[in-house]
């Protein structure tokens, strides 16, 4: 009987630890950008400048949204704009920042997130018509970026999310 009770207690503890590892949207991610994430914003603004568009400004709330999604994708072992719970990207981003229009670009690179990933990521986005339209939309005025290293499937991966919004 003691063995069964011990096994049940151990299973309960494992379940509790697994549940606490799920990313919580209320907690959000990091609001501060590191050097590589700031580089992504600079690279986006260089592209926007080439087309005569205004710069996008960094928004802390969007940084939290982007960081949360990069972390969530690694935790959930998937790569998509939809959230881990199946809800649309718009709902997730609006939990962090209220805005009339929102957009998102994603990139996945093999290996760890490197310091000089900005140019490569933005080139990838500019070579995709859908992502390019988001980067070059004059309606978007704010941006948040989040990058995370982890494991996707059985390989190391670097997830980069950029969330965009209109003024309000």
N, C-alpha and C. Protein backbone atom coordinates (compact mmCIF):
# COMPACT_ATOMS: atom_id res chain seq x y z
N UNK A 1 0.81 -1.19 0.00
CA UNK A 1 0.00 0.00 0.00
C UNK A 1 0.87 1.27 0.00
N UNK A 2 1.96 1.21 0.77
CA UNK A 2 2.85 2.37 0.81
C UNK A 2 3.48 2.64 -0.55
N UNK A 3 3.79 1.57 -1.28
CA UNK A 3 4.40 1.72 -2.60
C UNK A 3 3.42 2.43 -3.54
N UNK A 4 2.15 2.04 -3.50
CA UNK A 4 1.14 2.67 -4.34
C UNK A 4 0.98 4.14 -3.97
N UNK A 5 0.95 4.44 -2.68
CA UNK A 5 0.83 5.82 -2.22
C UNK A 5 2.04 6.64 -2.66
N UNK A 6 3.22 6.04 -2.56
CA UNK A 6 4.44 6.75 -2.98
C UNK A 6 4.43 7.01 -4.47
N UNK A 7 4.01 6.02 -5.25
CA UNK A 7 3.94 6.21 -6.70
C UNK A 7 2.94 7.29 -7.07
N UNK A 8 1.79 7.29 -6.42
CA UNK A 8 0.78 8.32 -6.70
C UNK A 8 1.30 9.71 -6.33
N UNK A 9 1.99 9.81 -5.21
CA UNK A 9 2.56 11.09 -4.80
C UNK A 9 3.60 11.57 -5.81
N UNK A 10 4.43 10.63 -6.28
CA UNK A 10 5.46 10.99 -7.28
C UNK A 10 4.81 11.44 -8.58
N UNK A 11 3.79 10.74 -9.03
CA UNK A 11 3.08 11.14 -10.25
C UNK A 11 2.43 12.51 -10.10
N UNK A 12 1.85 12.76 -8.93
CA UNK A 12 1.23 14.05 -8.68
C UNK A 12 2.27 15.18 -8.75
N UNK A 13 3.42 14.95 -8.15
CA UNK A 13 4.50 15.96 -8.18
C UNK A 13 4.98 16.21 -9.61
N UNK A 14 5.12 15.15 -10.40
CA UNK A 14 5.54 15.30 -11.81
C UNK A 14 4.51 16.09 -12.59
N UNK A 15 3.23 15.78 -12.37
CA UNK A 15 2.16 16.50 -13.07
C UNK A 15 2.16 17.97 -12.66
N UNK A 16 2.38 18.24 -11.39
CA UNK A 16 2.42 19.62 -10.91
C UNK A 16 3.59 20.38 -11.53
N UNK A 17 4.74 19.76 -11.60
CA UNK A 17 5.91 20.40 -12.23
C UNK A 17 5.68 20.64 -13.71
N UNK A 18 5.08 19.69 -14.41
CA UNK A 18 4.81 19.86 -15.84
C UNK A 18 3.82 20.98 -16.08
N UNK A 19 2.80 21.09 -15.24
CA UNK A 19 1.80 22.15 -15.40
C UNK A 19 2.41 23.51 -15.14
N UNK A 20 3.35 23.59 -14.20
CA UNK A 20 3.94 24.89 -13.89
C UNK A 20 4.92 25.33 -14.97
N UNK A 21 5.35 24.42 -15.86
CA UNK A 21 6.29 24.77 -16.93
C UNK A 21 5.60 25.40 -18.13
N UNK A 22 4.27 25.30 -18.21
CA UNK A 22 3.54 25.87 -19.33
C UNK A 22 3.66 27.39 -19.28
N UNK A 23 4.02 28.03 -20.38
CA UNK A 23 4.11 29.49 -20.38
C UNK A 23 2.77 30.12 -20.03
N UNK A 24 2.80 31.13 -19.21
CA UNK A 24 1.59 31.83 -18.80
C UNK A 24 1.54 33.18 -19.51
N UNK A 25 0.49 33.42 -20.26
CA UNK A 25 0.37 34.66 -21.03
C UNK A 25 0.34 35.88 -20.12
N UNK A 26 -0.20 35.73 -18.92
CA UNK A 26 -0.26 36.88 -18.02
C UNK A 26 1.13 37.30 -17.58
N UNK A 27 2.02 36.33 -17.44
CA UNK A 27 3.38 36.65 -17.02
C UNK A 27 4.14 37.33 -18.15
N UNK A 28 3.83 36.95 -19.38
CA UNK A 28 4.49 37.55 -20.53
C UNK A 28 5.94 37.16 -20.61
N UNK A 29 6.61 37.76 -21.54
CA UNK A 29 8.03 37.51 -21.71
C UNK A 29 8.80 38.75 -21.31
N UNK A 30 9.99 38.83 -21.80
CA UNK A 30 10.85 39.95 -21.47
C UNK A 30 10.43 41.20 -22.24
N UNK A 31 10.39 42.33 -21.54
CA UNK A 31 10.06 43.59 -22.18
C UNK A 31 11.30 44.28 -22.74
N UNK A 32 12.48 43.87 -22.27
CA UNK A 32 13.73 44.49 -22.71
C UNK A 32 14.33 43.67 -23.84
N UNK A 33 14.84 44.37 -24.82
CA UNK A 33 15.46 43.71 -25.97
C UNK A 33 16.96 43.57 -25.75
N UNK A 34 17.51 42.44 -26.18
CA UNK A 34 18.96 42.29 -26.14
C UNK A 34 19.55 42.86 -27.42
N UNK A 35 20.83 42.75 -27.57
CA UNK A 35 21.53 43.35 -28.71
C UNK A 35 21.03 42.79 -30.04
N UNK A 36 20.86 41.48 -30.13
CA UNK A 36 20.41 40.85 -31.38
C UNK A 36 18.98 41.28 -31.72
N UNK A 37 18.11 41.36 -30.72
CA UNK A 37 16.72 41.78 -30.96
C UNK A 37 16.66 43.25 -31.40
N UNK A 38 17.47 44.09 -30.80
CA UNK A 38 17.54 45.50 -31.26
C UNK A 38 18.06 45.56 -32.69
N UNK A 39 18.98 44.65 -33.03
CA UNK A 39 19.49 44.58 -34.40
C UNK A 39 18.39 44.23 -35.39
N UNK A 40 17.45 43.36 -35.00
CA UNK A 40 16.33 43.02 -35.87
C UNK A 40 15.49 44.27 -36.13
N UNK A 41 15.23 45.05 -35.10
CA UNK A 41 14.45 46.29 -35.27
C UNK A 41 15.19 47.26 -36.20
N UNK A 42 16.50 47.40 -36.00
CA UNK A 42 17.28 48.29 -36.89
C UNK A 42 17.22 47.81 -38.33
N UNK A 43 17.34 46.50 -38.55
CA UNK A 43 17.29 45.95 -39.91
C UNK A 43 15.90 46.17 -40.53
N UNK A 44 14.86 46.02 -39.74
CA UNK A 44 13.49 46.29 -40.24
C UNK A 44 13.39 47.75 -40.65
N UNK A 45 13.89 48.64 -39.81
CA UNK A 45 13.80 50.07 -40.11
C UNK A 45 14.66 50.48 -41.31
N UNK A 46 15.77 49.79 -41.51
CA UNK A 46 16.57 50.07 -42.73
C UNK A 46 15.75 49.72 -43.97
N UNK A 47 15.08 48.58 -43.95
CA UNK A 47 14.24 48.18 -45.09
C UNK A 47 13.10 49.19 -45.29
N UNK A 48 12.46 49.58 -44.21
CA UNK A 48 11.36 50.54 -44.31
C UNK A 48 11.88 51.88 -44.87
N UNK A 49 13.07 52.28 -44.46
CA UNK A 49 13.66 53.52 -44.96
C UNK A 49 13.92 53.49 -46.45
N UNK A 50 14.31 52.33 -46.96
CA UNK A 50 14.55 52.19 -48.41
C UNK A 50 13.28 52.42 -49.22
N UNK A 51 12.14 52.24 -48.60
CA UNK A 51 10.86 52.43 -49.30
C UNK A 51 10.14 53.70 -48.85
N UNK A 52 10.89 54.58 -48.17
CA UNK A 52 10.32 55.87 -47.76
C UNK A 52 9.29 55.78 -46.65
N UNK A 53 9.34 54.70 -45.88
CA UNK A 53 8.37 54.52 -44.79
C UNK A 53 8.95 55.00 -43.47
N UNK A 54 8.07 55.40 -42.57
CA UNK A 54 8.49 55.80 -41.23
C UNK A 54 9.00 54.59 -40.46
N UNK A 55 9.87 54.89 -39.54
CA UNK A 55 10.43 53.84 -38.68
C UNK A 55 9.34 53.29 -37.76
N UNK A 56 9.46 52.02 -37.40
CA UNK A 56 8.61 51.47 -36.35
C UNK A 56 9.35 51.68 -35.02
N UNK A 57 8.58 51.91 -33.99
CA UNK A 57 9.16 52.13 -32.66
C UNK A 57 8.95 50.89 -31.81
N UNK A 58 9.89 50.67 -30.94
CA UNK A 58 9.81 49.52 -30.04
C UNK A 58 8.74 49.77 -28.99
N UNK A 59 7.89 48.76 -28.78
CA UNK A 59 6.86 48.81 -27.75
C UNK A 59 7.09 47.66 -26.78
N UNK A 60 7.20 47.99 -25.52
CA UNK A 60 7.48 46.97 -24.50
C UNK A 60 6.41 45.89 -24.46
N UNK A 61 5.15 46.29 -24.63
CA UNK A 61 4.07 45.30 -24.58
C UNK A 61 4.20 44.31 -25.74
N UNK A 62 4.61 44.80 -26.91
CA UNK A 62 4.81 43.91 -28.05
C UNK A 62 6.06 43.04 -27.88
N UNK A 63 7.08 43.57 -27.20
CA UNK A 63 8.25 42.73 -26.88
C UNK A 63 7.82 41.54 -26.03
N UNK A 64 6.97 41.80 -25.04
CA UNK A 64 6.49 40.72 -24.18
C UNK A 64 5.69 39.71 -25.00
N UNK A 65 4.83 40.20 -25.90
CA UNK A 65 4.02 39.30 -26.73
C UNK A 65 4.91 38.44 -27.62
N UNK A 66 5.90 39.05 -28.26
CA UNK A 66 6.79 38.32 -29.17
C UNK A 66 7.63 37.31 -28.41
N UNK A 67 8.18 37.71 -27.28
CA UNK A 67 9.00 36.81 -26.48
C UNK A 67 8.15 35.64 -25.98
N UNK A 68 6.95 35.92 -25.57
CA UNK A 68 6.04 34.87 -25.11
C UNK A 68 5.80 33.85 -26.21
N UNK A 69 5.57 34.32 -27.44
CA UNK A 69 5.26 33.38 -28.51
C UNK A 69 6.47 32.55 -28.91
N UNK A 70 7.64 33.15 -28.95
CA UNK A 70 8.86 32.38 -29.25
C UNK A 70 9.06 31.29 -28.21
N UNK A 71 8.86 31.63 -26.96
CA UNK A 71 9.00 30.66 -25.86
C UNK A 71 7.92 29.58 -25.96
N UNK A 72 6.69 30.01 -26.26
CA UNK A 72 5.56 29.08 -26.36
C UNK A 72 5.77 28.06 -27.49
N UNK A 73 6.30 28.52 -28.63
CA UNK A 73 6.54 27.59 -29.74
C UNK A 73 7.57 26.53 -29.37
N UNK A 74 8.63 26.93 -28.69
CA UNK A 74 9.64 25.95 -28.27
C UNK A 74 9.06 24.99 -27.25
N UNK A 75 8.31 25.52 -26.31
CA UNK A 75 7.69 24.66 -25.29
C UNK A 75 6.72 23.67 -25.94
N UNK A 76 5.91 24.16 -26.87
CA UNK A 76 4.89 23.32 -27.51
C UNK A 76 5.41 22.50 -28.67
N UNK A 77 6.68 22.70 -29.03
CA UNK A 77 7.31 21.96 -30.12
C UNK A 77 6.58 22.15 -31.44
N UNK A 78 6.34 23.40 -31.81
CA UNK A 78 5.68 23.71 -33.08
C UNK A 78 6.19 25.04 -33.62
N UNK A 79 5.86 25.33 -34.86
CA UNK A 79 6.24 26.58 -35.50
C UNK A 79 5.05 27.07 -36.31
N UNK A 80 4.34 28.07 -35.78
CA UNK A 80 3.14 28.57 -36.45
C UNK A 80 2.71 29.88 -35.79
N UNK A 81 1.87 30.61 -36.50
CA UNK A 81 1.34 31.86 -35.96
C UNK A 81 0.26 31.63 -34.91
N UNK A 82 -0.45 30.52 -35.01
CA UNK A 82 -1.48 30.25 -34.00
C UNK A 82 -0.81 29.96 -32.66
N UNK A 83 -1.53 30.20 -31.59
CA UNK A 83 -1.01 29.94 -30.26
C UNK A 83 -1.09 28.46 -29.93
N UNK A 84 -0.40 28.09 -28.88
CA UNK A 84 -0.36 26.70 -28.44
C UNK A 84 -1.75 26.15 -28.17
N UNK A 85 -2.66 27.01 -27.70
CA UNK A 85 -4.03 26.57 -27.41
C UNK A 85 -4.94 26.61 -28.63
N UNK A 86 -4.38 26.96 -29.80
CA UNK A 86 -5.16 26.99 -31.03
C UNK A 86 -5.80 28.34 -31.34
N UNK A 87 -5.66 29.30 -30.45
CA UNK A 87 -6.26 30.62 -30.70
C UNK A 87 -5.43 31.39 -31.72
N UNK A 88 -6.08 32.30 -32.45
CA UNK A 88 -5.38 33.04 -33.50
C UNK A 88 -4.35 34.02 -32.95
N UNK A 89 -3.37 34.32 -33.78
CA UNK A 89 -2.31 35.26 -33.42
C UNK A 89 -2.87 36.59 -32.93
N UNK A 90 -3.92 37.10 -33.57
CA UNK A 90 -4.49 38.39 -33.20
C UNK A 90 -4.92 38.41 -31.74
N UNK A 91 -5.56 37.35 -31.30
CA UNK A 91 -6.02 37.29 -29.91
C UNK A 91 -4.84 37.33 -28.95
N UNK A 92 -3.79 36.56 -29.27
CA UNK A 92 -2.62 36.53 -28.39
C UNK A 92 -1.95 37.89 -28.29
N UNK A 93 -1.72 38.52 -29.44
CA UNK A 93 -1.03 39.81 -29.42
C UNK A 93 -1.87 40.86 -28.69
N UNK A 94 -3.16 40.83 -28.88
CA UNK A 94 -4.04 41.81 -28.22
C UNK A 94 -4.17 41.57 -26.72
N UNK A 95 -3.80 40.41 -26.23
CA UNK A 95 -3.76 40.22 -24.77
C UNK A 95 -2.64 41.06 -24.16
N UNK A 96 -1.64 41.39 -24.97
CA UNK A 96 -0.51 42.17 -24.48
C UNK A 96 -0.62 43.65 -24.85
N UNK A 97 -1.19 43.94 -26.00
CA UNK A 97 -1.25 45.33 -26.48
C UNK A 97 -2.55 45.55 -27.24
N UNK A 98 -3.31 46.54 -26.80
CA UNK A 98 -4.55 46.83 -27.53
C UNK A 98 -4.22 47.69 -28.74
N UNK A 99 -4.72 47.26 -29.88
CA UNK A 99 -4.43 47.96 -31.12
C UNK A 99 -5.46 47.57 -32.16
N UNK A 100 -5.70 48.47 -33.08
CA UNK A 100 -6.66 48.19 -34.15
C UNK A 100 -6.15 47.12 -35.09
N UNK A 101 -4.89 47.24 -35.51
CA UNK A 101 -4.30 46.28 -36.45
C UNK A 101 -3.04 45.66 -35.84
N UNK A 102 -2.90 44.36 -36.07
CA UNK A 102 -1.70 43.67 -35.60
C UNK A 102 -1.20 42.75 -36.72
N UNK A 103 0.07 42.48 -36.70
CA UNK A 103 0.69 41.57 -37.66
C UNK A 103 1.85 40.86 -36.99
N UNK A 104 2.31 39.80 -37.62
CA UNK A 104 3.38 39.02 -37.02
C UNK A 104 4.24 38.37 -38.10
N UNK A 105 5.53 38.34 -37.84
CA UNK A 105 6.46 37.60 -38.69
C UNK A 105 7.23 36.64 -37.79
N UNK A 106 7.49 35.45 -38.32
CA UNK A 106 8.22 34.43 -37.58
C UNK A 106 9.41 33.96 -38.40
N UNK A 107 10.46 33.59 -37.71
CA UNK A 107 11.61 32.97 -38.36
C UNK A 107 12.14 31.87 -37.46
N UNK A 108 12.61 30.80 -38.08
CA UNK A 108 13.23 29.72 -37.35
C UNK A 108 14.58 29.43 -38.00
N UNK A 109 15.61 29.49 -37.20
CA UNK A 109 16.96 29.21 -37.67
C UNK A 109 17.47 27.98 -36.95
N UNK A 110 18.26 27.17 -37.62
CA UNK A 110 18.88 26.02 -36.98
C UNK A 110 19.97 26.46 -36.04
N UNK A 111 20.14 25.74 -34.96
CA UNK A 111 21.18 26.05 -33.98
C UNK A 111 20.73 27.06 -32.95
N UNK A 112 21.70 27.60 -32.28
CA UNK A 112 21.41 28.60 -31.24
C UNK A 112 21.21 29.97 -31.87
N UNK A 113 20.57 30.86 -31.12
CA UNK A 113 20.41 32.24 -31.57
C UNK A 113 21.77 32.92 -31.49
N UNK A 114 22.22 33.39 -32.60
CA UNK A 114 23.53 34.05 -32.66
C UNK A 114 23.34 35.56 -32.58
N UNK A 115 24.41 36.20 -32.26
CA UNK A 115 24.40 37.64 -32.08
C UNK A 115 24.07 38.37 -33.37
N UNK A 116 24.55 37.87 -34.51
CA UNK A 116 24.40 38.56 -35.79
C UNK A 116 23.30 37.94 -36.65
N UNK A 117 22.16 37.68 -36.04
CA UNK A 117 21.08 37.04 -36.79
C UNK A 117 20.16 38.03 -37.49
N UNK A 118 20.22 39.30 -37.15
CA UNK A 118 19.26 40.29 -37.64
C UNK A 118 19.19 40.36 -39.16
N UNK A 119 20.32 40.53 -39.81
CA UNK A 119 20.32 40.66 -41.27
C UNK A 119 19.75 39.43 -41.94
N UNK A 120 20.14 38.27 -41.45
CA UNK A 120 19.66 37.01 -42.04
C UNK A 120 18.14 36.86 -41.88
N UNK A 121 17.64 37.15 -40.70
CA UNK A 121 16.20 37.02 -40.44
C UNK A 121 15.40 38.00 -41.29
N UNK A 122 15.82 39.24 -41.34
CA UNK A 122 15.06 40.24 -42.11
C UNK A 122 15.15 39.94 -43.60
N UNK A 123 16.27 39.43 -44.08
CA UNK A 123 16.34 39.01 -45.50
C UNK A 123 15.35 37.89 -45.78
N UNK A 124 15.24 36.94 -44.87
CA UNK A 124 14.27 35.86 -45.03
C UNK A 124 12.86 36.44 -45.14
N UNK A 125 12.54 37.38 -44.27
CA UNK A 125 11.21 37.98 -44.30
C UNK A 125 10.97 38.78 -45.57
N UNK A 126 11.99 39.49 -46.02
CA UNK A 126 11.83 40.30 -47.24
C UNK A 126 11.68 39.41 -48.48
N UNK A 127 12.17 38.18 -48.43
CA UNK A 127 12.04 37.25 -49.56
C UNK A 127 10.71 36.48 -49.55
N UNK A 128 9.87 36.77 -48.59
CA UNK A 128 8.54 36.15 -48.50
C UNK A 128 7.50 37.25 -48.67
N UNK A 129 6.65 37.14 -49.68
CA UNK A 129 5.71 38.23 -49.98
C UNK A 129 4.81 38.57 -48.80
N UNK A 130 4.33 37.58 -48.06
CA UNK A 130 3.47 37.85 -46.91
C UNK A 130 4.18 38.58 -45.79
N UNK A 131 5.40 38.12 -45.49
CA UNK A 131 6.18 38.77 -44.42
C UNK A 131 6.64 40.16 -44.87
N UNK A 132 7.01 40.26 -46.12
CA UNK A 132 7.45 41.55 -46.67
C UNK A 132 6.33 42.58 -46.55
N UNK A 133 5.09 42.17 -46.84
CA UNK A 133 3.95 43.08 -46.75
C UNK A 133 3.78 43.60 -45.32
N UNK A 134 4.03 42.75 -44.35
CA UNK A 134 3.92 43.19 -42.95
C UNK A 134 5.03 44.16 -42.61
N UNK A 135 6.27 43.83 -42.96
CA UNK A 135 7.39 44.71 -42.67
C UNK A 135 7.24 46.08 -43.31
N UNK A 136 6.67 46.10 -44.51
CA UNK A 136 6.57 47.36 -45.26
C UNK A 136 5.19 48.00 -45.20
N UNK A 137 4.34 47.57 -44.28
CA UNK A 137 3.02 48.19 -44.14
C UNK A 137 3.15 49.53 -43.43
N UNK A 138 2.62 50.56 -44.05
CA UNK A 138 2.66 51.89 -43.43
C UNK A 138 1.70 51.99 -42.25
N UNK A 139 0.81 51.03 -42.11
CA UNK A 139 -0.15 51.04 -41.00
C UNK A 139 0.50 50.65 -39.67
N UNK A 140 1.57 49.90 -39.74
CA UNK A 140 2.23 49.48 -38.51
C UNK A 140 3.22 50.54 -38.06
N UNK A 141 3.11 50.91 -36.78
CA UNK A 141 3.96 51.96 -36.22
C UNK A 141 4.80 51.48 -35.05
N UNK A 142 4.42 50.32 -34.47
CA UNK A 142 5.14 49.79 -33.31
C UNK A 142 5.54 48.34 -33.58
N UNK A 143 6.60 47.92 -32.91
CA UNK A 143 7.10 46.55 -33.09
C UNK A 143 7.65 46.03 -31.76
N UNK A 144 7.58 44.73 -31.61
CA UNK A 144 8.22 44.04 -30.51
C UNK A 144 8.88 42.79 -31.05
N UNK A 145 10.04 42.46 -30.53
CA UNK A 145 10.79 41.31 -31.02
C UNK A 145 11.16 40.41 -29.85
N UNK A 146 11.04 39.11 -30.09
CA UNK A 146 11.47 38.14 -29.08
C UNK A 146 12.15 36.97 -29.75
N UNK A 147 13.32 36.62 -29.27
CA UNK A 147 14.04 35.46 -29.79
C UNK A 147 14.34 34.52 -28.64
N UNK A 148 14.27 33.25 -28.94
CA UNK A 148 14.56 32.22 -27.94
C UNK A 148 15.26 31.05 -28.59
N UNK A 149 16.23 30.50 -27.88
CA UNK A 149 16.90 29.27 -28.30
C UNK A 149 16.30 28.11 -27.54
N UNK A 150 16.25 26.97 -28.21
CA UNK A 150 15.75 25.78 -27.55
C UNK A 150 15.80 24.60 -28.49
N UNK A 151 14.97 23.63 -28.22
CA UNK A 151 14.91 22.43 -29.03
C UNK A 151 13.56 22.33 -29.68
N UNK A 152 13.56 22.10 -30.98
CA UNK A 152 12.34 21.87 -31.73
C UNK A 152 12.50 20.51 -32.38
N UNK A 153 11.61 19.59 -32.03
CA UNK A 153 11.82 18.21 -32.46
C UNK A 153 13.06 17.70 -31.75
N UNK A 154 14.02 17.25 -32.50
CA UNK A 154 15.25 16.76 -31.89
C UNK A 154 16.45 17.65 -32.23
N UNK A 155 16.18 18.85 -32.76
CA UNK A 155 17.26 19.74 -33.19
C UNK A 155 17.22 21.06 -32.43
N UNK A 156 18.38 21.66 -32.30
CA UNK A 156 18.46 23.01 -31.72
C UNK A 156 17.83 23.99 -32.69
N UNK A 157 17.14 24.99 -32.15
CA UNK A 157 16.49 25.97 -33.00
C UNK A 157 16.51 27.33 -32.33
N UNK A 158 16.48 28.35 -33.16
CA UNK A 158 16.35 29.74 -32.72
C UNK A 158 15.04 30.26 -33.30
N UNK A 159 14.12 30.63 -32.43
CA UNK A 159 12.82 31.17 -32.85
C UNK A 159 12.86 32.68 -32.70
N UNK A 160 12.43 33.37 -33.75
CA UNK A 160 12.36 34.83 -33.71
C UNK A 160 10.94 35.23 -34.09
N UNK A 161 10.32 36.01 -33.23
CA UNK A 161 8.98 36.54 -33.48
C UNK A 161 9.05 38.05 -33.47
N UNK A 162 8.42 38.68 -34.46
CA UNK A 162 8.26 40.13 -34.46
C UNK A 162 6.77 40.41 -34.54
N UNK A 163 6.25 41.10 -33.53
CA UNK A 163 4.84 41.48 -33.50
C UNK A 163 4.72 42.97 -33.79
N UNK A 164 3.79 43.31 -34.69
CA UNK A 164 3.60 44.67 -35.14
C UNK A 164 2.20 45.15 -34.77
N UNK A 165 2.07 46.45 -34.58
CA UNK A 165 0.73 47.01 -34.34
C UNK A 165 0.64 48.43 -34.87
N UNK A 166 -0.60 48.83 -35.11
CA UNK A 166 -0.87 50.22 -35.46
C UNK A 166 -0.80 51.05 -34.19
N UNK A 167 -0.98 52.34 -34.31
CA UNK A 167 -0.89 53.19 -33.12
C UNK A 167 -1.93 52.81 -32.08
N UNK A 168 -3.16 52.70 -32.45
CA UNK A 168 -4.26 52.27 -31.57
C UNK A 168 -5.49 52.12 -32.38
